[in-house]
Amino acid sequence: MTHTRPISLLLGAALACAGTFAQTTPKAPAKAVVAAPVAPAAACPALLQHEFPRLQDDAPQNLCQYAGKVLLVVNTASYCGFTSQYEGLEALYAKYQSKGLVVLGFPSNEFGKQEPGNSKEIADFCFNTYGVKFPMFAKSDVKGDKRNALYAEFFKATRTEPKWNFNKYLVDRSGKVVANYPSDVEPNSSKLVSAIEKALNQKF
């Protein structure tokens, strides 16, 4: 005798089977999230590819950390008629640092033997007398055959060298020397400030 199942049972089984299939069918893989490309760090120009000991502790400092900045590089001395310019240089640094200016100080004893001290004595003088916060480096030569590597680059670029303490080289964001100011150009002179502002606003 043949038994037939009710149609309702057959439909229920079919629906159950369909539900099972739906549950076991693999889902489409989620789309991978691609991170936005990271912009490369500013390339370090040849002018800055040098390392010097920091004044206060002789820790080596690579000048490439200042790539993309506007630099005012000054050869300094503690016992010079222009030494009070430390105050103006620090004021420039405080005013324009947030916009990209860095003042770099390089003590030198080549002009009138006006920087005779060791690193600790020079650092104490700069920091305690004038509150200098801009980067300062250990004493070195800035002219002649023994000039340090950065000042050798300056000489190569401009064919000039400092004639006295507190000479100032202005370097733009691309690492190009754009001006050279003698000692008697004060840090707050309109000529220097105007050139700094122009370099800060220039795009590369």
C-alpha atoms as a PDB file:
ATOM      1  CA  MET A   1       0.000   0.000   0.000  1.00  0.00           C
ATOM      2  CA  THR A   2       1.495   3.328  -1.017  1.00  0.00           C
ATOM      3  CA  HIS A   3       1.502   6.111   1.547  1.00  0.00           C
ATOM      4  CA  THR A   4       1.640   9.707   0.388  1.00  0.00           C
ATOM      5  CA  ARG A   5       2.794  12.467   2.660  1.00  0.00           C
ATOM      6  CA  PRO A   6       0.577  15.480   3.039  1.00  0.00           C
ATOM      7  CA  ILE A   7       1.578  18.400   0.806  1.00  0.00           C
ATOM      8  CA  SER A   8       2.012  20.611   3.858  1.00  0.00           C
ATOM      9  CA  LEU A   9       4.783  18.349   5.175  1.00  0.00           C
ATOM     10  CA  LEU A  10       6.568  18.333   1.829  1.00  0.00           C
ATOM     11  CA  LEU A  11       6.459  22.149   1.630  1.00  0.00           C
ATOM     12  CA  GLY A  12       7.737  22.451   5.186  1.00  0.00           C
ATOM     13  CA  ALA A  13      10.695  20.208   4.437  1.00  0.00           C
ATOM     14  CA  ALA A  14      11.541  22.169   1.319  1.00  0.00           C
ATOM     15  CA  LEU A  15      11.464  25.447   3.203  1.00  0.00           C
ATOM     16  CA  ALA A  16      13.650  24.059   5.971  1.00  0.00           C
ATOM     17  CA  CYS A  17      16.155  22.835   3.408  1.00  0.00           C
ATOM     18  CA  ALA A  18      16.188  26.229   1.721  1.00  0.00           C
ATOM     19  CA  GLY A  19      16.785  27.927   5.076  1.00  0.00           C
ATOM     20  CA  THR A  20      19.713  25.626   5.826  1.00  0.00           C
ATOM     21  CA  PHE A  21      21.236  26.361   2.443  1.00  0.00           C
ATOM     22  CA  ALA A  22      20.909  30.093   3.015  1.00  0.00           C
ATOM     23  CA  GLN A  23      22.652  29.816   6.357  1.00  0.00           C
ATOM     24  CA  THR A  24      25.580  27.792   4.995  1.00  0.00           C
ATOM     25  CA  THR A  25      26.136  29.759   1.799  1.00  0.00           C
ATOM     26  CA  PRO A  26      29.403  31.728   2.318  1.00  0.00           C
ATOM     27  CA  LYS A  27      29.087  35.500   2.440  1.00  0.00           C
ATOM     28  CA  ALA A  28      30.898  37.692  -0.081  1.00  0.00           C
ATOM     29  CA  PRO A  29      34.240  38.798   1.360  1.00  0.00           C
ATOM     30  CA  ALA A  30      34.265  42.301   2.828  1.00  0.00           C
ATOM     31  CA  LYS A  31      36.110  44.923   0.845  1.00  0.00           C
ATOM     32  CA  ALA A  32      39.618  45.562   2.135  1.00  0.00           C
ATOM     33  CA  VAL A  33      40.139  49.034   3.607  1.00  0.00           C
ATOM     34  CA  VAL A  34      43.105  50.684   1.926  1.00  0.00           C
ATOM     35  CA  ALA A  35      44.918  53.258   4.061  1.00  0.00           C
ATOM     36  CA  ALA A  36      45.587  56.633   2.520  1.00  0.00           C
ATOM     37  CA  PRO A  37      49.192  56.976   1.360  1.00  0.00           C
ATOM     38  CA  VAL A  38      51.469  58.716   3.836  1.00  0.00           C
ATOM     39  CA  ALA A  39      53.195  61.785   2.457  1.00  0.00           C
ATOM     40  CA  PRO A  40      56.978  61.347   2.359  1.00  0.00           C
ATOM     41  CA  ALA A  41      59.069  63.414   4.755  1.00  0.00           C
ATOM     42  CA  ALA A  42      60.705  66.499   3.367  1.00  0.00           C
ATOM     43  CA  ALA A  43      63.857  65.574   1.488  1.00  0.00           C
ATOM     44  CA  CYS A  44      67.040  66.760   3.140  1.00  0.00           C
ATOM     45  CA  PRO A  45      69.013  69.152   0.899  1.00  0.00           C
ATOM     46  CA  ALA A  46      72.763  68.671   0.532  1.00  0.00           C
ATOM     47  CA  LEU A  47      73.407  71.836   2.544  1.00  0.00           C
ATOM     48  CA  LEU A  48      71.962  70.178   5.662  1.00  0.00           C
ATOM     49  CA  GLN A  49      73.422  66.703   5.340  1.00  0.00           C
ATOM     50  CA  HIS A  50      75.884  67.264   8.170  1.00  0.00           C
ATOM     51  CA  GLU A  51      76.109  66.459  11.865  1.00  0.00           C
ATOM     52  CA  PHE A  52      77.430  68.646  14.678  1.00  0.00           C
ATOM     53  CA  PRO A  53      77.691  68.260  18.470  1.00  0.00           C
ATOM     54  CA  ARG A  54      75.108  70.200  20.449  1.00  0.00           C
ATOM     55  CA  LEU A  55      76.643  72.941  22.613  1.00  0.00           C
ATOM     56  CA  GLN A  56      75.246  71.983  26.002  1.00  0.00           C
ATOM     57  CA  ASP A  57      76.059  68.272  25.995  1.00  0.00           C
ATOM     58  CA  ASP A  58      77.992  67.411  22.796  1.00  0.00           C
ATOM     59  CA  ALA A  59      75.126  65.133  21.675  1.00  0.00           C
ATOM     60  CA  PRO A  60      75.369  64.690  17.867  1.00  0.00           C
ATOM     61  CA  GLN A  61      72.699  66.596  15.954  1.00  0.00           C
ATOM     62  CA  ASN A  62      71.887  65.973  12.291  1.00  0.00           C
ATOM     63  CA  LEU A  63      70.884  69.175  10.524  1.00  0.00           C
ATOM     64  CA  CYS A  64      68.424  67.205   8.384  1.00  0.00           C
ATOM     65  CA  GLN A  65      65.979  67.631  11.273  1.00  0.00           C
ATOM     66  CA  TYR A  66      65.602  71.220  10.016  1.00  0.00           C
ATOM     67  CA  ALA A  67      64.759  70.273   6.417  1.00  0.00           C
ATOM     68  CA  GLY A  68      61.805  72.315   5.183  1.00  0.00           C
ATOM     69  CA  LYS A  69      62.494  75.139   7.655  1.00  0.00           C
ATOM     70  CA  VAL A  70      63.790  78.649   7.055  1.00  0.00           C
ATOM     71  CA  LEU A  71      67.180  78.950   8.754  1.00  0.00           C
ATOM     72  CA  LEU A  72      69.084  81.941  10.068  1.00  0.00           C
ATOM     73  CA  VAL A  73      72.620  80.700  10.747  1.00  0.00           C
ATOM     74  CA  VAL A  74      74.829  82.931  12.908  1.00  0.00           C
ATOM     75  CA  ASN A  75      78.459  82.612  14.038  1.00  0.00           C
ATOM     76  CA  THR A  76      78.484  83.851  17.621  1.00  0.00           C
ATOM     77  CA  ALA A  77      80.899  85.002  20.348  1.00  0.00           C
ATOM     78  CA  SER A  78      80.447  85.806  24.028  1.00  0.00           C
ATOM     79  CA  TYR A  79      82.774  88.821  24.295  1.00  0.00           C
ATOM     80  CA  CYS A  80      82.005  90.891  21.220  1.00  0.00           C
ATOM     81  CA  GLY A  81      80.512  94.305  20.624  1.00  0.00           C
ATOM     82  CA  PHE A  82      77.676  92.506  18.819  1.00  0.00           C
ATOM     83  CA  THR A  83      77.037  89.918  21.565  1.00  0.00           C
ATOM     84  CA  SER A  84      73.862  91.714  22.651  1.00  0.00           C
ATOM     85  CA  GLN A  85      72.365  90.536  19.349  1.00  0.00           C
ATOM     86  CA  TYR A  86      71.657  87.256  21.158  1.00  0.00           C
ATOM     87  CA  GLU A  87      68.619  89.019  22.606  1.00  0.00           C
ATOM     88  CA  GLY A  88      67.292  90.042  19.183  1.00  0.00           C
ATOM     89  CA  LEU A  89      68.012  86.622  17.687  1.00  0.00           C
ATOM     90  CA  GLU A  90      66.073  84.930  20.493  1.00  0.00           C
ATOM     91  CA  ALA A  91      63.187  87.378  19.942  1.00  0.00           C
ATOM     92  CA  LEU A  92      63.139  86.500  16.225  1.00  0.00           C
ATOM     93  CA  TYR A  93      63.111  82.802  17.052  1.00  0.00           C
ATOM     94  CA  ALA A  94      60.292  83.200  19.574  1.00  0.00           C
ATOM     95  CA  LYS A  95      58.191  85.234  17.136  1.00  0.00           C
ATOM     96  CA  TYR A  96      58.606  83.129  13.998  1.00  0.00           C
ATOM     97  CA  GLN A  97      59.376  79.628  15.251  1.00  0.00           C
ATOM     98  CA  SER A  98      55.751  78.517  14.893  1.00  0.00           C
ATOM     99  CA  LYS A  99      55.829  79.646  11.245  1.00  0.00           C
ATOM    100  CA  GLY A 100      58.955  77.633  10.442  1.00  0.00           C
ATOM    101  CA  LEU A 101      61.994  79.752  11.367  1.00  0.00           C
ATOM    102  CA  VAL A 102      64.955  78.191  13.168  1.00  0.00           C
ATOM    103  CA  VAL A 103      67.959  80.209  14.343  1.00  0.00           C
ATOM    104  CA  LEU A 104      71.181  78.170  14.537  1.00  0.00           C
ATOM    105  CA  GLY A 105      74.166  79.441  16.515  1.00  0.00           C
ATOM    106  CA  PHE A 106      77.772  78.410  15.805  1.00  0.00           C
ATOM    107  CA  PRO A 107      80.240  79.827  18.350  1.00  0.00           C
ATOM    108  CA  SER A 108      83.648  80.652  16.909  1.00  0.00           C
ATOM    109  CA  ASN A 109      86.885  82.021  18.362  1.00  0.00           C
ATOM    110  CA  GLU A 110      88.342  83.193  15.043  1.00  0.00           C
ATOM    111  CA  PHE A 111      87.506  86.878  15.310  1.00  0.00           C
ATOM    112  CA  GLY A 112      89.417  88.745  17.997  1.00  0.00           C
ATOM    113  CA  LYS A 113      89.597  85.596  20.154  1.00  0.00           C
ATOM    114  CA  GLN A 114      86.226  86.645  21.580  1.00  0.00           C
ATOM    115  CA  GLU A 115      84.959  83.109  22.270  1.00  0.00           C
ATOM    116  CA  PRO A 116      87.736  81.573  24.426  1.00  0.00           C
ATOM    117  CA  GLY A 117      85.571  79.391  26.683  1.00  0.00           C
ATOM    118  CA  ASN A 118      84.724  75.707  26.542  1.00  0.00           C
ATOM    119  CA  SER A 119      81.276  74.373  25.670  1.00  0.00           C
ATOM    120  CA  LYS A 120      79.950  74.517  29.235  1.00  0.00           C
ATOM    121  CA  GLU A 121      81.129  78.108  29.730  1.00  0.00           C
ATOM    122  CA  ILE A 122      79.633  79.220  26.412  1.00  0.00           C
ATOM    123  CA  ALA A 123      76.341  77.429  27.116  1.00  0.00           C
ATOM    124  CA  ASP A 124      76.063  78.926  30.606  1.00  0.00           C
ATOM    125  CA  PHE A 125      76.671  82.385  29.204  1.00  0.00           C
ATOM    126  CA  CYS A 126      74.128  82.063  26.381  1.00  0.00           C
ATOM    127  CA  PHE A 127      71.396  80.458  28.408  1.00  0.00           C
ATOM    128  CA  ASN A 128      71.850  82.362  31.673  1.00  0.00           C
ATOM    129  CA  THR A 129      72.657  85.825  30.327  1.00  0.00           C
ATOM    130  CA  TYR A 130      70.371  85.983  27.295  1.00  0.00           C
ATOM    131  CA  GLY A 131      67.935  83.105  27.813  1.00  0.00           C
ATOM    132  CA  VAL A 132      68.890  81.579  24.459  1.00  0.00           C
ATOM    133  CA  LYS A 133      66.570  78.730  23.465  1.00  0.00           C
ATOM    134  CA  PHE A 134      67.414  78.395  19.783  1.00  0.00           C
ATOM    135  CA  PRO A 135      69.781  75.514  18.852  1.00  0.00           C
ATOM    136  CA  MET A 136      73.462  76.139  19.547  1.00  0.00           C
ATOM    137  CA  PHE A 137      76.391  73.962  18.508  1.00  0.00           C
ATOM    138  CA  ALA A 138      79.883  73.362  19.849  1.00  0.00           C
ATOM    139  CA  LYS A 139      82.613  75.860  19.003  1.00  0.00           C
ATOM    140  CA  SER A 140      84.158  75.445  15.549  1.00  0.00           C
ATOM    141  CA  ASP A 141      85.841  77.360  12.734  1.00  0.00           C
ATOM    142  CA  VAL A 142      83.626  79.216  10.259  1.00  0.00           C
ATOM    143  CA  LYS A 143      86.242  80.507   7.823  1.00  0.00           C
ATOM    144  CA  GLY A 144      89.437  79.363   6.125  1.00  0.00           C
ATOM    145  CA  ASP A 145      90.599  75.851   5.367  1.00  0.00           C
ATOM    146  CA  LYS A 146      89.367  74.468   8.708  1.00  0.00           C
ATOM    147  CA  ARG A 147      85.826  75.853   8.433  1.00  0.00           C
ATOM    148  CA  ASN A 148      83.158  73.380   9.493  1.00  0.00           C
ATOM    149  CA  ALA A 149      81.160  71.455   6.889  1.00  0.00           C
ATOM    150  CA  LEU A 150      78.128  73.768   6.916  1.00  0.00           C
ATOM    151  CA  TYR A 151      80.216  76.887   6.482  1.00  0.00           C
ATOM    152  CA  ALA A 152      82.106  75.118   3.703  1.00  0.00           C
ATOM    153  CA  GLU A 153      78.714  74.745   1.971  1.00  0.00           C
ATOM    154  CA  PHE A 154      78.028  78.442   2.518  1.00  0.00           C
ATOM    155  CA  PHE A 155      81.375  79.362   0.988  1.00  0.00           C
ATOM    156  CA  LYS A 156      80.734  77.077  -1.966  1.00  0.00           C
ATOM    157  CA  ALA A 157      77.294  78.618  -2.538  1.00  0.00           C
ATOM    158  CA  THR A 158      78.192  82.291  -2.063  1.00  0.00           C
ATOM    159  CA  ARG A 159      82.001  82.547  -2.378  1.00  0.00           C
ATOM    160  CA  THR A 160      81.877  84.659   0.777  1.00  0.00           C
ATOM    161  CA  GLU A 161      82.768  83.941   4.389  1.00  0.00           C
ATOM    162  CA  PRO A 162      82.050  85.758   7.662  1.00  0.00           C
ATOM    163  CA  LYS A 163      84.228  88.796   8.259  1.00  0.00           C
ATOM    164  CA  TRP A 164      83.364  89.015  11.973  1.00  0.00           C
ATOM    165  CA  ASN A 165      81.142  87.573  14.689  1.00  0.00           C
ATOM    166  CA  PHE A 166      77.363  87.575  14.192  1.00  0.00           C
ATOM    167  CA  ASN A 167      77.397  87.264  10.425  1.00  0.00           C
ATOM    168  CA  LYS A 168      74.041  85.877   9.278  1.00  0.00           C
ATOM    169  CA  TYR A 169      73.201  83.467   6.450  1.00  0.00           C
ATOM    170  CA  LEU A 170      69.529  83.114   5.534  1.00  0.00           C
ATOM    171  CA  VAL A 171      68.526  79.738   4.051  1.00  0.00           C
ATOM    172  CA  ASP A 172      65.112  79.092   2.496  1.00  0.00           C
ATOM    173  CA  ARG A 173      62.930  75.987   2.902  1.00  0.00           C
ATOM    174  CA  SER A 174      64.537  74.285  -0.100  1.00  0.00           C
ATOM    175  CA  GLY A 175      68.036  74.567   1.404  1.00  0.00           C
ATOM    176  CA  LYS A 176      69.159  77.457  -0.798  1.00  0.00           C
ATOM    177  CA  VAL A 177      71.203  80.326   0.651  1.00  0.00           C
ATOM    178  CA  VAL A 178      69.186  83.428  -0.236  1.00  0.00           C
ATOM    179  CA  ALA A 179      71.083  86.158   1.656  1.00  0.00           C
ATOM    180  CA  ASN A 180      74.183  86.915   3.691  1.00  0.00           C
ATOM    181  CA  TYR A 181      74.101  89.753   6.227  1.00  0.00           C
ATOM    182  CA  PRO A 182      77.163  91.265   7.927  1.00  0.00           C
ATOM    183  CA  SER A 183      77.497  91.685  11.674  1.00  0.00           C
ATOM    184  CA  ASP A 184      76.073  95.204  11.836  1.00  0.00           C
ATOM    185  CA  VAL A 185      72.685  94.121  10.474  1.00  0.00           C
ATOM    186  CA  GLU A 186      70.667  93.847  13.667  1.00  0.00           C
ATOM    187  CA  PRO A 187      68.195  90.955  14.100  1.00  0.00           C
ATOM    188  CA  ASN A 188      65.283  93.419  14.196  1.00  0.00           C
ATOM    189  CA  SER A 189      66.352  95.340  11.086  1.00  0.00           C
ATOM    190  CA  SER A 190      63.534  95.762   8.581  1.00  0.00           C
ATOM    191  CA  LYS A 191      65.764  94.397   5.811  1.00  0.00           C
ATOM    192  CA  LEU A 192      66.386  91.109   7.627  1.00  0.00           C
ATOM    193  CA  VAL A 193      62.858  90.717   9.007  1.00  0.00           C
ATOM    194  CA  SER A 194      61.358  91.342   5.569  1.00  0.00           C
ATOM    195  CA  ALA A 195      63.612  88.700   4.005  1.00  0.00           C
ATOM    196  CA  ILE A 196      62.708  86.185   6.715  1.00  0.00           C
ATOM    197  CA  GLU A 197      58.975  86.762   6.233  1.00  0.00           C
ATOM    198  CA  LYS A 198      59.327  86.424   2.470  1.00  0.00           C
ATOM    199  CA  ALA A 199      61.187  83.111   2.874  1.00  0.00           C
ATOM    200  CA  LEU A 200      58.578  81.834   5.349  1.00  0.00           C
ATOM    201  CA  ASN A 201      55.742  82.629   2.936  1.00  0.00           C
ATOM    202  CA  GLN A 202      57.427  81.157  -0.127  1.00  0.00           C
ATOM    203  CA  LYS A 203      56.034  77.801  -1.292  1.00  0.00           C
ATOM    204  CA  PHE A 204      58.058  74.949  -2.814  1.00  0.00           C
END
